[in-house]
Amino acid sequence: MVSSMTGFGRGRAAQDGREMTVELKSVNHRYLDLSFRMPRHISFAEDTLRTALNDSLSRGHVDVYVNYRNTRSDAKEVRIDTALLGAYLKSVKAAAAELREENDMTLSNALRLPDVTDIVEADEDDEAVKALTKEAVDKAIAELITARRGEGERLANDLTERLATVDELRGKIETRAPMVVEEYRIKLNERIEAMLGGTAEVDAQRLATEVALFADKASIDEELVRLKSHTAQARELLSQSEAAGRRLDFVVQEMNREFNTIGSKANDAEIARLVILGKAELEKIREQVQNIE
């Protein structure tokens, strides 16, 4: 069964004081388009995410949200701007001497001065973070694929029903087509008789020739055969598990082309009405196909 491009997946992994959560939100897109939102200090893990997603998905815009926590004792470090600290202490000492005041500045007090200390994320263990990322994103992908398949099943059921409607309309056109030629023969014969005013017989051979020319020009047999083949192909694509959205989109374009040709060749009001209904149904199918991977 085909998969939709819409879905959500979430995966979590934790080990040795590190915790990673990956969330995936997917919507339809012509190609696979990935957008990452993750902490800057673990941006090196983006390649791990990108590789896993490229290996598992073929189409869709996917927003990737990464939340990372490191509760290890070595997760953060304090950095001291010793040059700035020295400048503070030197200035305090000079001011105390100039003002003849006691220099009561201690090191602990100096460390509280603006911009002297900075608490930063410590350098991460790249391999440990990448392994955690892989575990979390694999879980998120599995959940996303399950959601996309569920939505894909719903889409496939809806499209199958619409393809049945297209087949029904094609059958009505197929039934109507021979009547168009016969009605043309009758009307042509009546017009000729009216023009002759009943003074002469209608040339049966000439009439047959004109009807044959009309029948050849208005023949839609090939279009009807191709249309039937296209609906069968669409059903087959819907039953497959691999990505079929692009091929389905192409098949729907071909079906629309056959309806256009039928409408232009048939020269019949009833067939024209059926063609309009068929094209309206195809437009609904096309909209749904845009969501299939």
Protein backbone atom coordinates (compact mmCIF):
# COMPACT_ATOMS: atom_id res chain seq x y z
CA MET A 1 0.00 0.00 0.00
CA VAL A 2 1.23 3.51 -0.84
CA SER A 3 2.35 5.98 1.82
CA SER A 4 1.29 9.55 2.37
CA MET A 5 3.86 12.31 2.78
CA THR A 6 2.06 13.64 5.86
CA GLY A 7 2.91 12.32 9.30
CA PHE A 8 4.67 12.74 12.63
CA GLY A 9 7.28 10.65 14.40
CA ARG A 10 9.14 10.94 17.69
CA GLY A 11 12.13 9.03 19.01
CA ARG A 12 14.07 9.20 22.27
CA ALA A 13 17.40 7.70 23.28
CA ALA A 14 19.38 8.02 26.53
CA GLN A 15 22.74 6.70 27.70
CA ASP A 16 25.49 7.69 30.15
CA GLY A 17 23.86 10.95 31.21
CA ARG A 18 23.06 12.01 27.65
CA GLU A 19 19.47 12.26 26.36
CA MET A 20 18.38 12.88 22.76
CA THR A 21 14.86 13.46 21.41
CA VAL A 22 14.15 13.72 17.68
CA GLU A 23 10.78 14.83 16.31
CA LEU A 24 9.85 14.63 12.62
CA LYS A 25 6.96 16.51 11.01
CA SER A 26 6.36 15.72 7.36
CA VAL A 27 4.14 17.32 4.69
CA ASN A 28 3.95 16.93 0.92
CA HIS A 29 6.72 18.20 -1.33
CA ARG A 30 7.94 17.34 -4.84
CA TYR A 31 11.27 16.11 -3.50
CA LEU A 32 12.80 15.19 -0.15
CA ASP A 33 13.38 18.53 1.58
CA LEU A 34 14.92 18.46 5.06
CA SER A 35 14.93 21.34 7.56
CA PHE A 36 16.92 20.99 10.80
CA ARG A 37 16.47 22.75 14.12
CA MET A 38 19.01 21.56 16.66
CA PRO A 39 21.47 22.88 19.28
CA ARG A 40 24.45 24.46 17.63
CA HIS A 41 27.04 22.64 19.74
CA ILE A 42 25.94 19.27 18.34
CA SER A 43 25.50 20.42 14.74
CA PHE A 44 28.08 17.80 13.75
CA ALA A 45 25.28 15.21 14.22
CA GLU A 46 23.28 16.66 11.31
CA ASP A 47 24.99 14.32 8.84
CA THR A 48 23.80 11.33 10.88
CA LEU A 49 20.23 12.63 10.74
CA ARG A 50 20.40 13.47 7.05
CA THR A 51 21.80 10.06 6.07
CA ALA A 52 19.15 8.17 8.03
CA LEU A 53 16.32 10.23 6.52
CA ASN A 54 17.66 9.96 2.97
CA ASP A 55 17.91 6.19 3.35
CA SER A 56 14.30 5.85 4.55
CA LEU A 57 12.26 8.55 2.77
CA SER A 58 12.02 9.60 -0.86
CA ARG A 59 9.68 12.61 -0.86
CA GLY A 60 8.21 15.21 1.48
CA HIS A 61 9.22 18.32 3.39
CA VAL A 62 10.44 17.13 6.79
CA ASP A 63 11.01 19.45 9.74
CA VAL A 64 13.54 17.84 12.09
CA TYR A 65 13.50 19.05 15.70
CA VAL A 66 16.31 17.89 17.98
CA ASN A 67 16.40 18.34 21.74
CA TYR A 68 19.58 17.30 23.57
CA ARG A 69 20.46 17.23 27.28
CA ASN A 70 23.76 16.34 28.87
CA THR A 71 23.57 15.90 32.65
CA ARG A 72 27.07 14.49 33.06
CA SER A 73 29.45 16.17 35.49
CA ASP A 74 31.72 17.11 32.61
CA ALA A 75 28.92 18.55 30.48
CA LYS A 76 29.79 22.18 31.21
CA GLU A 77 32.96 24.08 31.96
CA VAL A 78 33.75 27.46 33.46
CA ARG A 79 36.03 29.66 31.42
CA ILE A 80 37.83 32.60 33.05
CA ASP A 81 39.01 35.59 31.09
CA THR A 82 42.31 35.92 32.93
CA ALA A 83 43.34 38.98 30.93
CA LEU A 84 40.19 40.83 31.92
CA LEU A 85 40.51 39.58 35.51
CA GLY A 86 44.09 40.90 35.66
CA ALA A 87 42.96 44.26 34.33
CA TYR A 88 40.24 44.47 37.00
CA LEU A 89 42.70 43.64 39.81
CA LYS A 90 45.29 46.08 38.49
CA SER A 91 42.72 48.86 38.27
CA VAL A 92 41.41 48.15 41.80
CA LYS A 93 44.95 48.16 43.20
CA ALA A 94 45.75 51.45 41.48
CA ALA A 95 42.51 53.03 42.69
CA ALA A 96 43.15 51.90 46.29
CA ALA A 97 46.64 53.40 46.22
CA GLU A 98 45.46 56.67 44.71
CA LEU A 99 42.59 57.02 47.17
CA ARG A 100 44.68 55.69 50.05
CA GLU A 101 42.06 53.09 50.79
CA GLU A 102 42.55 49.48 51.77
CA ASN A 103 42.45 47.09 48.80
CA ASP A 104 39.82 44.61 49.95
CA MET A 105 39.32 43.00 46.55
CA THR A 106 39.58 39.23 46.88
CA LEU A 107 39.78 36.71 44.07
CA SER A 108 36.29 35.40 44.78
CA ASN A 109 34.91 38.94 44.57
CA ALA A 110 36.82 39.60 41.36
CA LEU A 111 35.38 36.49 39.72
CA ARG A 112 31.88 37.99 40.14
CA LEU A 113 32.76 41.03 38.06
CA PRO A 114 31.07 41.33 34.60
CA ASP A 115 32.35 39.09 31.80
CA VAL A 116 35.13 37.56 33.89
CA THR A 117 33.56 34.09 33.97
CA ASP A 118 31.49 32.28 31.38
CA ILE A 119 29.76 28.90 31.70
CA VAL A 120 29.82 27.06 28.35
CA GLU A 121 28.96 23.67 26.94
CA ALA A 122 31.97 21.41 27.13
CA ASP A 123 33.22 19.72 23.98
CA GLU A 124 31.03 16.71 23.29
CA ASP A 125 32.08 13.17 22.59
CA ASP A 126 31.24 13.16 18.88
CA GLU A 127 30.92 9.41 18.51
CA ALA A 128 28.71 9.03 21.60
CA VAL A 129 26.39 11.82 20.43
CA LYS A 130 26.22 10.43 16.89
CA ALA A 131 25.32 6.97 18.18
CA LEU A 132 22.60 8.47 20.37
CA THR A 133 21.34 10.53 17.41
CA LYS A 134 21.14 7.44 15.20
CA GLU A 135 19.14 5.53 17.80
CA ALA A 136 16.69 8.39 18.35
CA VAL A 137 16.17 9.24 14.68
CA ASP A 138 15.64 5.58 13.73
CA LYS A 139 12.81 5.37 16.28
CA ALA A 140 11.33 8.63 14.98
CA ILE A 141 11.53 7.43 11.37
CA ALA A 142 9.81 4.15 12.24
CA GLU A 143 6.95 6.05 13.89
CA LEU A 144 6.75 8.52 10.99
CA ILE A 145 6.61 5.72 8.41
CA THR A 146 3.81 4.01 10.36
CA ALA A 147 1.83 7.26 10.40
CA ARG A 148 2.45 7.89 6.70
CA ARG A 149 1.36 4.38 5.79
CA GLY A 150 -1.84 4.77 7.78
CA GLU A 151 -2.66 7.98 5.97
CA GLY A 152 -1.59 6.37 2.70
CA GLU A 153 -4.10 3.57 3.19
CA ARG A 154 -6.88 6.11 3.64
CA LEU A 155 -5.80 7.94 0.49
CA ALA A 156 -5.58 4.69 -1.49
CA ASN A 157 -9.12 3.72 -0.48
CA ASP A 158 -10.45 7.11 -1.51
CA LEU A 159 -8.58 7.05 -4.83
CA THR A 160 -9.78 3.51 -5.57
CA GLU A 161 -13.37 4.69 -5.21
CA ARG A 162 -12.73 7.66 -7.49
CA LEU A 163 -11.07 5.46 -10.10
CA ALA A 164 -14.22 3.31 -10.04
CA THR A 165 -16.23 6.44 -10.82
CA VAL A 166 -13.89 7.23 -13.73
CA ASP A 167 -14.36 3.67 -15.02
CA GLU A 168 -18.11 4.03 -14.72
CA LEU A 169 -18.06 7.25 -16.75
CA ARG A 170 -15.80 5.62 -19.33
CA GLY A 171 -18.29 2.76 -19.64
CA LYS A 172 -21.14 5.19 -20.25
CA ILE A 173 -19.12 6.96 -22.93
CA GLU A 174 -18.31 3.60 -24.52
CA THR A 175 -22.01 2.74 -24.62
CA ARG A 176 -22.97 6.12 -26.01
CA ALA A 177 -20.29 6.30 -28.76
CA PRO A 178 -21.97 3.97 -31.34
CA MET A 179 -25.25 5.84 -30.95
CA VAL A 180 -23.57 9.08 -32.02
CA VAL A 181 -22.76 7.66 -35.46
CA GLU A 182 -26.25 6.24 -35.92
CA GLU A 183 -27.86 9.53 -34.91
CA TYR A 184 -25.60 11.35 -37.34
CA ARG A 185 -26.68 9.01 -40.17
CA ILE A 186 -30.36 9.58 -39.42
CA LYS A 187 -30.00 13.37 -39.17
CA LEU A 188 -27.88 13.54 -42.31
CA ASN A 189 -30.46 11.50 -44.23
CA GLU A 190 -33.26 13.75 -42.99
CA ARG A 191 -31.40 16.91 -44.01
CA ILE A 192 -30.70 15.56 -47.49
CA GLU A 193 -34.33 14.52 -47.96
CA ALA A 194 -35.45 17.96 -46.81
CA MET A 195 -33.11 19.63 -49.27
CA LEU A 196 -34.29 17.40 -52.13
CA GLY A 197 -37.87 18.05 -51.15
CA GLY A 198 -38.76 14.42 -51.73
CA THR A 199 -38.17 14.77 -55.47
CA ALA A 200 -35.33 12.25 -55.61
CA GLU A 201 -33.98 9.32 -53.73
CA VAL A 202 -31.04 9.74 -51.41
CA ASP A 203 -27.86 8.19 -52.79
CA ALA A 204 -27.33 5.35 -50.31
CA GLN A 205 -23.71 4.86 -51.32
CA ARG A 206 -22.91 8.56 -50.88
CA LEU A 207 -24.70 8.59 -47.55
CA ALA A 208 -22.77 5.54 -46.36
CA THR A 209 -19.51 7.20 -47.38
CA GLU A 210 -20.30 10.38 -45.47
CA VAL A 211 -21.31 8.41 -42.38
CA ALA A 212 -18.13 6.34 -42.60
CA LEU A 213 -16.01 9.49 -42.78
CA PHE A 214 -17.80 10.93 -39.76
CA ALA A 215 -17.43 7.66 -37.83
CA ASP A 216 -13.68 7.59 -38.53
CA LYS A 217 -13.25 11.22 -37.49
CA ALA A 218 -15.33 10.82 -34.34
CA SER A 219 -13.91 7.43 -33.35
CA ILE A 220 -12.77 7.38 -29.71
CA ASP A 221 -12.09 3.66 -29.43
CA GLU A 222 -8.34 4.08 -28.94
CA GLU A 223 -8.81 6.76 -26.29
CA LEU A 224 -11.27 4.57 -24.39
CA VAL A 225 -8.87 1.61 -24.48
CA ARG A 226 -6.00 3.77 -23.20
CA LEU A 227 -8.20 5.29 -20.51
CA LYS A 228 -9.13 1.81 -19.29
CA SER A 229 -5.45 0.85 -19.25
CA HIS A 230 -4.53 3.98 -17.28
CA THR A 231 -7.09 3.32 -14.54
CA ALA A 232 -5.82 -0.27 -14.24
CA GLN A 233 -2.24 1.02 -13.98
CA ALA A 234 -3.26 3.52 -11.29
CA ARG A 235 -4.82 0.73 -9.22
CA GLU A 236 -1.67 -1.33 -9.55
CA LEU A 237 0.48 1.60 -8.38
CA LEU A 238 -1.79 2.12 -5.37
CA SER A 239 -1.24 -1.49 -4.30
CA GLN A 240 2.57 -1.13 -4.26
CA SER A 241 4.58 -0.38 -1.14
CA GLU A 242 7.31 1.69 -2.78
CA ALA A 243 7.01 5.39 -3.61
CA ALA A 244 4.51 5.83 -6.45
CA GLY A 245 3.35 9.44 -6.20
CA ARG A 246 5.26 10.77 -9.21
CA ARG A 247 4.16 7.91 -11.46
CA LEU A 248 0.57 8.29 -10.31
CA ASP A 249 0.73 11.99 -11.11
CA PHE A 250 1.93 11.16 -14.63
CA VAL A 251 -0.84 8.55 -15.12
CA VAL A 252 -3.48 11.08 -14.03
CA GLN A 253 -2.11 13.57 -16.58
CA GLU A 254 -2.45 10.93 -19.29
CA MET A 255 -6.02 10.15 -18.22
CA ASN A 256 -6.89 13.82 -18.42
CA ARG A 257 -5.38 13.96 -21.91
CA GLU A 258 -7.56 11.06 -23.06
CA PHE A 259 -10.69 12.77 -21.71
CA ASN A 260 -9.74 15.98 -23.55
CA THR A 261 -9.31 14.10 -26.82
CA ILE A 262 -12.60 12.24 -26.34
CA GLY A 263 -14.40 15.52 -25.74
CA SER A 264 -12.93 17.16 -28.83
CA LYS A 265 -13.58 14.19 -31.17
CA ALA A 266 -16.95 12.86 -30.04
CA ASN A 267 -19.07 15.81 -31.22
CA ASP A 268 -21.89 14.85 -28.85
CA ALA A 269 -23.50 16.77 -25.99
CA GLU A 270 -23.99 13.74 -23.76
CA ILE A 271 -20.41 12.57 -24.16
CA ALA A 272 -19.25 16.13 -23.50
CA ARG A 273 -21.22 16.09 -20.25
CA LEU A 274 -19.64 12.78 -19.22
CA VAL A 275 -16.19 14.12 -20.10
CA ILE A 276 -16.72 17.12 -17.82
CA LEU A 277 -17.71 14.82 -14.97
CA GLY A 278 -14.67 12.66 -15.64
CA LYS A 279 -12.29 15.62 -15.63
CA ALA A 280 -13.82 16.91 -12.40
CA GLU A 281 -13.20 13.52 -10.79
CA LEU A 282 -9.63 13.48 -12.12
CA GLU A 283 -8.98 16.88 -10.55
CA LYS A 284 -9.98 15.44 -7.17
CA ILE A 285 -7.71 12.47 -7.82
CA ARG A 286 -4.83 14.76 -8.78
CA GLU A 287 -5.17 16.74 -5.55
CA GLN A 288 -5.02 13.54 -3.51
CA VAL A 289 -2.07 12.16 -5.48
CA GLN A 290 -0.03 15.24 -4.49
CA ASN A 291 0.02 13.83 -0.94
CA ILE A 292 1.36 10.41 -1.91
CA GLU A 293 5.05 9.67 -1.50
